[in-house]
Every structure is written in C-alpha cells, then in structure tokens.
Protein backbone atom coordinates (compact mmCIF):
# COMPACT_ATOMS: atom_id res chain seq x y z
CA MET A 1 12.28 -33.77 -90.73
CA ILE A 2 13.92 -32.51 -87.55
CA LEU A 3 10.58 -31.25 -86.23
CA LYS A 4 9.16 -34.76 -86.55
CA PHE A 5 12.04 -36.11 -84.44
CA LYS A 6 11.59 -33.35 -81.87
CA LYS A 7 7.95 -34.31 -81.47
CA TYR A 8 8.75 -37.95 -80.78
CA VAL A 9 11.62 -37.12 -78.44
CA PHE A 10 9.46 -34.64 -76.54
CA LEU A 11 6.60 -37.14 -76.25
CA ARG A 12 8.95 -39.84 -75.01
CA ILE A 13 10.55 -37.61 -72.37
CA PHE A 14 7.27 -36.03 -71.25
CA PHE A 15 5.36 -39.28 -70.81
CA HIS A 16 8.34 -40.99 -69.22
CA PHE A 17 8.36 -38.16 -66.66
CA ILE A 18 4.63 -38.70 -66.04
CA TYR A 19 5.35 -42.43 -65.60
CA ILE A 20 8.05 -41.65 -63.02
CA LEU A 21 5.66 -39.40 -61.10
CA ALA A 22 2.98 -42.10 -61.09
CA ILE A 23 5.44 -44.72 -59.83
CA ALA A 24 6.73 -42.30 -57.19
CA GLY A 25 3.16 -41.83 -55.94
CA PHE A 26 2.79 -45.48 -54.92
CA PRO A 27 4.74 -45.26 -51.64
CA ILE A 28 2.86 -42.09 -50.66
CA VAL A 29 -0.55 -43.69 -51.22
CA ILE A 30 0.52 -46.87 -49.43
CA ARG A 31 1.83 -44.85 -46.49
CA TYR A 32 -1.48 -43.00 -46.19
CA MET A 33 -3.34 -46.31 -46.47
CA ILE A 34 -1.35 -47.71 -43.54
CA ASP A 35 -1.29 -44.56 -41.38
CA SER A 36 -4.88 -43.47 -41.95
CA THR A 37 -7.49 -43.77 -39.21
CA TYR A 38 -10.28 -44.32 -41.75
CA SER A 39 -12.57 -41.95 -39.90
CA ASN A 40 -14.98 -41.81 -42.85
CA GLY A 41 -15.24 -45.59 -43.07
CA ILE A 42 -15.73 -47.20 -46.45
CA TYR A 43 -15.38 -43.82 -48.19
CA ASP A 44 -11.71 -43.60 -47.17
CA ILE A 45 -11.02 -47.17 -48.25
CA LEU A 46 -12.61 -46.59 -51.65
CA LYS A 47 -10.73 -43.30 -52.00
CA PHE A 48 -7.34 -44.94 -51.42
CA ILE A 49 -8.14 -47.87 -53.69
CA SER A 50 -9.24 -45.49 -56.45
CA PHE A 51 -6.02 -43.44 -56.05
CA PHE A 52 -3.98 -46.63 -56.25
CA ILE A 53 -5.80 -47.90 -59.35
CA GLY A 54 -5.59 -44.43 -60.88
CA LEU A 55 -1.82 -44.38 -60.41
CA ILE A 56 -1.57 -47.81 -62.01
CA PHE A 57 -3.65 -46.68 -64.98
CA VAL A 58 -1.73 -43.41 -65.46
CA GLY A 59 1.60 -45.23 -65.18
CA MET A 60 0.62 -47.90 -67.70
CA LEU A 61 -0.82 -45.41 -70.17
CA SER A 62 2.13 -43.03 -70.00
CA GLN A 63 4.61 -45.92 -70.35
CA TYR A 64 2.71 -47.16 -73.41
CA ILE A 65 2.74 -43.71 -75.03
CA SER A 66 6.43 -43.28 -74.20
CA GLN A 67 7.29 -46.65 -75.76
CA LYS A 68 5.12 -45.98 -78.81
CA SER A 69 6.85 -42.66 -79.47
CA SER A 70 10.21 -44.41 -79.01
CA TRP A 71 9.23 -47.02 -81.61
CA LYS A 72 8.08 -44.30 -84.01
CA LEU A 73 11.38 -42.44 -83.55
CA LYS A 74 13.36 -45.60 -84.18
CA GLU A 75 11.24 -46.40 -87.23
CA ASN A 76 11.82 -42.92 -88.67
CA LEU A 77 15.54 -43.05 -88.00
CA ILE A 78 15.86 -46.39 -89.80
CA CYS A 79 14.00 -45.00 -92.82
CA ILE A 80 16.56 -42.20 -93.28
C-alpha cells in the first residue's frame, strides 16, 4: 500500500520538477530570440520556434502527468 503511494508522490514531484524546468526555459529562449543575429536565416527562426513549441509541449505534458498522479493519490487516500 505504501509503495503505491510512493509511486504517485514520486511521479508528482518528478513531473512537477520537469514542468518547472520547462517554464524556466521560456525566458532563455525568448532572450536568444531577441539577441540573436539570425545569421543562418530561416533556419534560426525555425529552430527558436521549435524550441519554444517544444517547451510548451513538455510543460503541458508534465503538468498533466503531475496532476493525474495527484488525482490518483487523492483517490487512493479517500478509498482507505
């Protein structure tokens, strides 16, 4: 029983940490988008846009997994 709770708590903390890292990456990508000289042309623009969309996707997915594990933990605690 305790191992089941540990799994959900670990998943929640781990994916919340991933979410925080993804959110923290936004200012870095935006700074590089503003400060870049775009010497490679459209390749650089596509690279920054793909990084930005990738951070959005990783953040959304990790937040969803974190919330889902939180719901499962709450559901299991109520059943006790």
